[in-house]
């Protein structure tokens, strides 16, 4: 997958997955917005809600959050 985003990522592995897998597993995958991110550093996003969460929550919930760079 290209670095432009817009795909689905597994919360457990952090790897990109197919759109089919992402859509069939909404609680454990995150759909990323297309385009380049304007932020720097690491952030965590909930696979369940799609919202950004605190670093503490992200590290304590590795199966339901995705670390983004």
PDB file of N, CA and C in Angstrom:
ATOM      1  N   UNK A   1       0.850  -1.183   0.000  1.00  0.00           N
ATOM      2  CA  UNK A   1       0.000   0.000   0.000  1.00  0.00           C
ATOM      3  C   UNK A   1       0.883   1.229   0.000  1.00  0.00           C
ATOM      4  N   UNK A   2       0.481   2.272  -0.636  1.00  0.00           N
ATOM      5  CA  UNK A   2       1.261   3.506  -0.703  1.00  0.00           C
ATOM      6  C   UNK A   2       1.184   4.261   0.613  1.00  0.00           C
ATOM      7  N   UNK A   3       2.069   5.222   0.803  1.00  0.00           N
ATOM      8  CA  UNK A   3       2.121   6.005   2.025  1.00  0.00           C
ATOM      9  C   UNK A   3       1.088   7.108   2.083  1.00  0.00           C
ATOM     10  N   UNK A   4       0.187   7.165   1.144  1.00  0.00           N
ATOM     11  CA  UNK A   4      -0.806   8.237   1.103  1.00  0.00           C
ATOM     12  C   UNK A   4      -1.970   8.009   2.044  1.00  0.00           C
ATOM     13  N   UNK A   5      -2.111   6.828   2.628  1.00  0.00           N
ATOM     14  CA  UNK A   5      -3.208   6.563   3.546  1.00  0.00           C
ATOM     15  C   UNK A   5      -4.493   6.247   2.810  1.00  0.00           C
ATOM     16  N   UNK A   6      -5.580   6.218   3.535  1.00  0.00           N
ATOM     17  CA  UNK A   6      -6.871   5.932   2.952  1.00  0.00           C
ATOM     18  C   UNK A   6      -7.237   4.469   3.010  1.00  0.00           C
ATOM     19  N   UNK A   7      -6.358   3.618   3.546  1.00  0.00           N
ATOM     20  CA  UNK A   7      -6.634   2.194   3.651  1.00  0.00           C
ATOM     21  C   UNK A   7      -7.097   1.825   5.048  1.00  0.00           C
ATOM     22  N   UNK A   8      -7.120   0.536   5.300  1.00  0.00           N
ATOM     23  CA  UNK A   8      -7.501   0.022   6.606  1.00  0.00           C
ATOM     24  C   UNK A   8      -6.273  -0.573   7.276  1.00  0.00           C
ATOM     25  N   UNK A   9      -6.183  -0.373   8.603  1.00  0.00           N
ATOM     26  CA  UNK A   9      -5.072  -0.928   9.374  1.00  0.00           C
ATOM     27  C   UNK A   9      -5.615  -1.763  10.512  1.00  0.00           C
ATOM     28  N   UNK A  10      -4.935  -2.868  10.781  1.00  0.00           N
ATOM     29  CA  UNK A  10      -5.282  -3.723  11.903  1.00  0.00           C
ATOM     30  C   UNK A  10      -4.823  -3.074  13.193  1.00  0.00           C
ATOM     31  N   UNK A  11      -5.682  -3.055  14.211  1.00  0.00           N
ATOM     32  CA  UNK A  11      -5.294  -2.503  15.505  1.00  0.00           C
ATOM     33  C   UNK A  11      -4.293  -3.417  16.190  1.00  0.00           C
ATOM     34  N   UNK A  12      -4.386  -4.693  15.953  1.00  0.00           N
ATOM     35  CA  UNK A  12      -3.503  -5.644  16.626  1.00  0.00           C
ATOM     36  C   UNK A  12      -2.092  -5.613  16.054  1.00  0.00           C
ATOM     37  N   UNK A  13      -1.955  -5.651  14.741  1.00  0.00           N
ATOM     38  CA  UNK A  13      -0.624  -5.727  14.130  1.00  0.00           C
ATOM     39  C   UNK A  13      -0.110  -4.384  13.637  1.00  0.00           C
ATOM     40  N   UNK A  14      -1.006  -3.435  13.379  1.00  0.00           N
ATOM     41  CA  UNK A  14      -0.602  -2.152  12.821  1.00  0.00           C
ATOM     42  C   UNK A  14      -0.382  -2.207  11.320  1.00  0.00           C
ATOM     43  N   UNK A  15      -0.550  -3.367  10.737  1.00  0.00           N
ATOM     44  CA  UNK A  15      -0.337  -3.561   9.304  1.00  0.00           C
ATOM     45  C   UNK A  15      -1.596  -3.196   8.525  1.00  0.00           C
ATOM     46  N   UNK A  16      -1.392  -2.801   7.278  1.00  0.00           N
ATOM     47  CA  UNK A  16      -2.527  -2.537   6.407  1.00  0.00           C
ATOM     48  C   UNK A  16      -3.205  -3.853   6.040  1.00  0.00           C
ATOM     49  N   UNK A  17      -4.518  -3.820   5.956  1.00  0.00           N
ATOM     50  CA  UNK A  17      -5.311  -4.983   5.563  1.00  0.00           C
ATOM     51  C   UNK A  17      -6.180  -4.581   4.386  1.00  0.00           C
ATOM     52  N   UNK A  18      -6.766  -5.571   3.740  1.00  0.00           N
ATOM     53  CA  UNK A  18      -7.620  -5.281   2.588  1.00  0.00           C
ATOM     54  C   UNK A  18      -8.868  -4.537   3.031  1.00  0.00           C
ATOM     55  N   UNK A  19      -9.493  -3.841   2.097  1.00  0.00           N
ATOM     56  CA  UNK A  19     -10.730  -3.130   2.395  1.00  0.00           C
ATOM     57  C   UNK A  19     -11.803  -4.104   2.861  1.00  0.00           C
ATOM     58  N   UNK A  20     -11.827  -5.284   2.282  1.00  0.00           N
ATOM     59  CA  UNK A  20     -12.810  -6.292   2.674  1.00  0.00           C
ATOM     60  C   UNK A  20     -12.608  -6.703   4.129  1.00  0.00           C
ATOM     61  N   UNK A  21     -11.348  -6.951   4.507  1.00  0.00           N
ATOM     62  CA  UNK A  21     -11.055  -7.330   5.891  1.00  0.00           C
ATOM     63  C   UNK A  21     -11.365  -6.180   6.840  1.00  0.00           C
ATOM     64  N   UNK A  22     -11.039  -4.953   6.429  1.00  0.00           N
ATOM     65  CA  UNK A  22     -11.318  -3.791   7.265  1.00  0.00           C
ATOM     66  C   UNK A  22     -12.797  -3.584   7.510  1.00  0.00           C
ATOM     67  N   UNK A  23     -13.580  -3.733   6.469  1.00  0.00           N
ATOM     68  CA  UNK A  23     -15.022  -3.536   6.593  1.00  0.00           C
ATOM     69  C   UNK A  23     -15.686  -4.651   7.395  1.00  0.00           C
ATOM     70  N   UNK A  24     -15.153  -5.873   7.325  1.00  0.00           N
ATOM     71  CA  UNK A  24     -15.768  -6.986   8.039  1.00  0.00           C
ATOM     72  C   UNK A  24     -15.305  -7.073   9.493  1.00  0.00           C
ATOM     73  N   UNK A  25     -14.305  -6.277   9.876  1.00  0.00           N
ATOM     74  CA  UNK A  25     -13.798  -6.282  11.252  1.00  0.00           C
ATOM     75  C   UNK A  25     -13.709  -4.850  11.794  1.00  0.00           C
ATOM     76  N   UNK A  26     -14.820  -4.133  11.882  1.00  0.00           N
ATOM     77  CA  UNK A  26     -14.775  -2.716  12.258  1.00  0.00           C
ATOM     78  C   UNK A  26     -14.295  -2.455  13.680  1.00  0.00           C
ATOM     79  N   UNK A  27     -14.381  -3.418  14.575  1.00  0.00           N
ATOM     80  CA  UNK A  27     -13.941  -3.189  15.957  1.00  0.00           C
ATOM     81  C   UNK A  27     -12.435  -3.365  16.125  1.00  0.00           C
ATOM     82  N   UNK A  28     -11.777  -3.954  15.150  1.00  0.00           N
ATOM     83  CA  UNK A  28     -10.337  -4.188  15.291  1.00  0.00           C
ATOM     84  C   UNK A  28      -9.533  -3.597  14.138  1.00  0.00           C
ATOM     85  N   UNK A  29     -10.165  -2.759  13.326  1.00  0.00           N
ATOM     86  CA  UNK A  29      -9.451  -2.082  12.243  1.00  0.00           C
ATOM     87  C   UNK A  29      -9.820  -0.603  12.230  1.00  0.00           C
ATOM     88  N   UNK A  30      -8.944   0.195  11.650  1.00  0.00           N
ATOM     89  CA  UNK A  30      -9.169   1.634  11.541  1.00  0.00           C
ATOM     90  C   UNK A  30      -9.077   2.021  10.084  1.00  0.00           C
ATOM     91  N   UNK A  31     -10.043   2.805   9.605  1.00  0.00           N
ATOM     92  CA  UNK A  31      -9.976   3.337   8.249  1.00  0.00           C
ATOM     93  C   UNK A  31      -9.253   4.666   8.331  1.00  0.00           C
ATOM     94  N   UNK A  32      -8.174   4.787   7.594  1.00  0.00           N
ATOM     95  CA  UNK A  32      -7.391   6.009   7.612  1.00  0.00           C
ATOM     96  C   UNK A  32      -7.874   6.984   6.553  1.00  0.00           C
ATOM     97  N   UNK A  33      -7.780   8.244   6.868  1.00  0.00           N
ATOM     98  CA  UNK A  33      -8.147   9.283   5.911  1.00  0.00           C
ATOM     99  C   UNK A  33      -7.078   9.368   4.833  1.00  0.00           C
ATOM    100  N   UNK A  34      -7.465   9.622   3.592  1.00  0.00           N
ATOM    101  CA  UNK A  34      -6.473   9.768   2.533  1.00  0.00           C
ATOM    102  C   UNK A  34      -5.679  11.055   2.708  1.00  0.00           C
ATOM    103  N   UNK A  35      -4.510  11.081   2.125  1.00  0.00           N
ATOM    104  CA  UNK A  35      -3.669  12.280   2.192  1.00  0.00           C
ATOM    105  C   UNK A  35      -2.613  12.163   3.257  1.00  0.00           C
ATOM    106  N   UNK A  36      -1.705  13.099   3.253  1.00  0.00           N
ATOM    107  CA  UNK A  36      -0.598  13.105   4.185  1.00  0.00           C
ATOM    108  C   UNK A  36      -1.036  13.740   5.501  1.00  0.00           C
ATOM    109  N   UNK A  37      -0.657  13.132   6.603  1.00  0.00           N
ATOM    110  CA  UNK A  37      -0.983  13.665   7.915  1.00  0.00           C
ATOM    111  C   UNK A  37      -0.172  14.915   8.189  1.00  0.00           C
ATOM    112  N   UNK A  38      -0.780  15.896   8.809  1.00  0.00           N
ATOM    113  CA  UNK A  38      -0.087  17.137   9.098  1.00  0.00           C
ATOM    114  C   UNK A  38       0.586  17.163  10.455  1.00  0.00           C
ATOM    115  N   UNK A  39       0.442  16.099  11.242  1.00  0.00           N
ATOM    116  CA  UNK A  39       1.015  16.094  12.576  1.00  0.00           C
ATOM    117  C   UNK A  39       2.341  15.361  12.590  1.00  0.00           C
ATOM    118  N   UNK A  40       3.054  15.537  13.675  1.00  0.00           N
ATOM    119  CA  UNK A  40       4.313  14.822  13.835  1.00  0.00           C
ATOM    120  C   UNK A  40       4.249  13.986  15.097  1.00  0.00           C
ATOM    121  N   UNK A  41       5.106  13.009  15.194  1.00  0.00           N
ATOM    122  CA  UNK A  41       5.125  12.156  16.368  1.00  0.00           C
ATOM    123  C   UNK A  41       4.133  11.023  16.263  1.00  0.00           C
ATOM    124  N   UNK A  42       4.073  10.249  17.339  1.00  0.00           N
ATOM    125  CA  UNK A  42       3.170   9.101  17.377  1.00  0.00           C
ATOM    126  C   UNK A  42       1.853   9.501  18.027  1.00  0.00           C
ATOM    127  N   UNK A  43       0.784   8.917  17.504  1.00  0.00           N
ATOM    128  CA  UNK A  43      -0.540   9.102  18.085  1.00  0.00           C
ATOM    129  C   UNK A  43      -1.233   7.759  18.046  1.00  0.00           C
ATOM    130  N   UNK A  44      -2.230   7.592  18.886  1.00  0.00           N
ATOM    131  CA  UNK A  44      -3.003   6.363  18.939  1.00  0.00           C
ATOM    132  C   UNK A  44      -4.438   6.667  18.561  1.00  0.00           C
ATOM    133  N   UNK A  45      -5.020   5.739  17.788  1.00  0.00           N
ATOM    134  CA  UNK A  45      -6.416   5.881  17.363  1.00  0.00           C
ATOM    135  C   UNK A  45      -7.164   4.613  17.756  1.00  0.00           C
ATOM    136  N   UNK A  46      -8.364   4.769  18.281  1.00  0.00           N
ATOM    137  CA  UNK A  46      -9.205   3.648  18.658  1.00  0.00           C
ATOM    138  C   UNK A  46      -9.769   2.986  17.410  1.00  0.00           C
ATOM    139  N   UNK A  47      -9.658   1.669  17.334  1.00  0.00           N
ATOM    140  CA  UNK A  47     -10.251   0.936  16.220  1.00  0.00           C
ATOM    141  C   UNK A  47     -11.768   0.867  16.370  1.00  0.00           C
ATOM    142  N   UNK A  48     -12.253   1.014  17.576  1.00  0.00           N
ATOM    143  CA  UNK A  48     -13.687   0.923  17.824  1.00  0.00           C
ATOM    144  C   UNK A  48     -14.409   2.210  17.428  1.00  0.00           C
ATOM    145  N   UNK A  49     -13.877   3.357  17.867  1.00  0.00           N
ATOM    146  CA  UNK A  49     -14.553   4.629  17.602  1.00  0.00           C
ATOM    147  C   UNK A  49     -13.942   5.406  16.447  1.00  0.00           C
ATOM    148  N   UNK A  50     -12.679   5.124  16.125  1.00  0.00           N
ATOM    149  CA  UNK A  50     -11.994   5.875  15.082  1.00  0.00           C
ATOM    150  C   UNK A  50     -11.416   7.187  15.580  1.00  0.00           C
ATOM    151  N   UNK A  51     -11.581   7.473  16.847  1.00  0.00           N
ATOM    152  CA  UNK A  51     -11.093   8.722  17.422  1.00  0.00           C
ATOM    153  C   UNK A  51      -9.709   8.532  18.024  1.00  0.00           C
ATOM    154  N   UNK A  52      -8.981   9.646  18.119  1.00  0.00           N
ATOM    155  CA  UNK A  52      -7.674   9.597  18.754  1.00  0.00           C
ATOM    156  C   UNK A  52      -7.854   9.442  20.257  1.00  0.00           C
ATOM    157  N   UNK A  53      -6.951   8.669  20.863  1.00  0.00           N
ATOM    158  CA  UNK A  53      -6.985   8.420  22.303  1.00  0.00           C
ATOM    159  C   UNK A  53      -5.647   8.828  22.900  1.00  0.00           C
ATOM    160  N   UNK A  54      -5.574   8.869  24.206  1.00  0.00           N
ATOM    161  CA  UNK A  54      -4.329   9.238  24.867  1.00  0.00           C
ATOM    162  C   UNK A  54      -3.275   8.155  24.652  1.00  0.00           C
ATOM    163  N   UNK A  55      -2.031   8.544  24.787  1.00  0.00           N
ATOM    164  CA  UNK A  55      -0.926   7.588  24.655  1.00  0.00           C
ATOM    165  C   UNK A  55      -1.062   6.488  25.698  1.00  0.00           C
ATOM    166  N   UNK A  56      -1.422   6.854  26.910  1.00  0.00           N
ATOM    167  CA  UNK A  56      -1.588   5.870  27.985  1.00  0.00           C
ATOM    168  C   UNK A  56      -2.640   4.825  27.605  1.00  0.00           C
ATOM    169  N   UNK A  57      -3.774   5.277  27.094  1.00  0.00           N
ATOM    170  CA  UNK A  57      -4.832   4.346  26.686  1.00  0.00           C
ATOM    171  C   UNK A  57      -4.371   3.491  25.502  1.00  0.00           C
ATOM    172  N   UNK A  58      -3.705   4.109  24.554  1.00  0.00           N
ATOM    173  CA  UNK A  58      -3.225   3.378  23.387  1.00  0.00           C
ATOM    174  C   UNK A  58      -2.264   2.267  23.757  1.00  0.00           C
ATOM    175  N   UNK A  59      -1.333   2.555  24.649  1.00  0.00           N
ATOM    176  CA  UNK A  59      -0.360   1.539  25.070  1.00  0.00           C
ATOM    177  C   UNK A  59      -1.000   0.443  25.900  1.00  0.00           C
ATOM    178  N   UNK A  60      -2.041   0.775  26.649  1.00  0.00           N
ATOM    179  CA  UNK A  60      -2.685  -0.237  27.491  1.00  0.00           C
ATOM    180  C   UNK A  60      -3.745  -1.045  26.739  1.00  0.00           C
ATOM    181  N   UNK A  61      -4.071  -0.652  25.515  1.00  0.00           N
ATOM    182  CA  UNK A  61      -5.083  -1.354  24.716  1.00  0.00           C
ATOM    183  C   UNK A  61      -4.548  -1.664  23.319  1.00  0.00           C
ATOM    184  N   UNK A  62      -3.498  -2.467  23.211  1.00  0.00           N
ATOM    185  CA  UNK A  62      -2.872  -2.696  21.912  1.00  0.00           C
ATOM    186  C   UNK A  62      -3.737  -3.453  20.903  1.00  0.00           C
ATOM    187  N   UNK A  63      -4.733  -4.194  21.358  1.00  0.00           N
ATOM    188  CA  UNK A  63      -5.565  -4.959  20.430  1.00  0.00           C
ATOM    189  C   UNK A  63      -6.707  -4.148  19.838  1.00  0.00           C
ATOM    190  N   UNK A  64      -6.971  -2.975  20.402  1.00  0.00           N
ATOM    191  CA  UNK A  64      -8.077  -2.166  19.880  1.00  0.00           C
ATOM    192  C   UNK A  64      -7.654  -0.747  19.526  1.00  0.00           C
ATOM    193  N   UNK A  65      -6.348  -0.501  19.466  1.00  0.00           N
ATOM    194  CA  UNK A  65      -5.844   0.807  19.041  1.00  0.00           C
ATOM    195  C   UNK A  65      -4.734   0.625  18.013  1.00  0.00           C
ATOM    196  N   UNK A  66      -4.546   1.659  17.211  1.00  0.00           N
ATOM    197  CA  UNK A  66      -3.492   1.649  16.185  1.00  0.00           C
ATOM    198  C   UNK A  66      -2.560   2.810  16.484  1.00  0.00           C
ATOM    199  N   UNK A  67      -1.254   2.525  16.486  1.00  0.00           N
ATOM    200  CA  UNK A  67      -0.262   3.594  16.671  1.00  0.00           C
ATOM    201  C   UNK A  67       0.053   4.174  15.299  1.00  0.00           C
ATOM    202  N   UNK A  68      -0.109   5.472  15.166  1.00  0.00           N
ATOM    203  CA  UNK A  68       0.171   6.159  13.909  1.00  0.00           C
ATOM    204  C   UNK A  68       1.393   7.035  14.078  1.00  0.00           C
ATOM    205  N   UNK A  69       2.126   7.204  13.007  1.00  0.00           N
ATOM    206  CA  UNK A  69       3.321   8.055  13.049  1.00  0.00           C
ATOM    207  C   UNK A  69       3.138   9.221  12.145  1.00  0.00           C
TER     208      UNK A  69
END
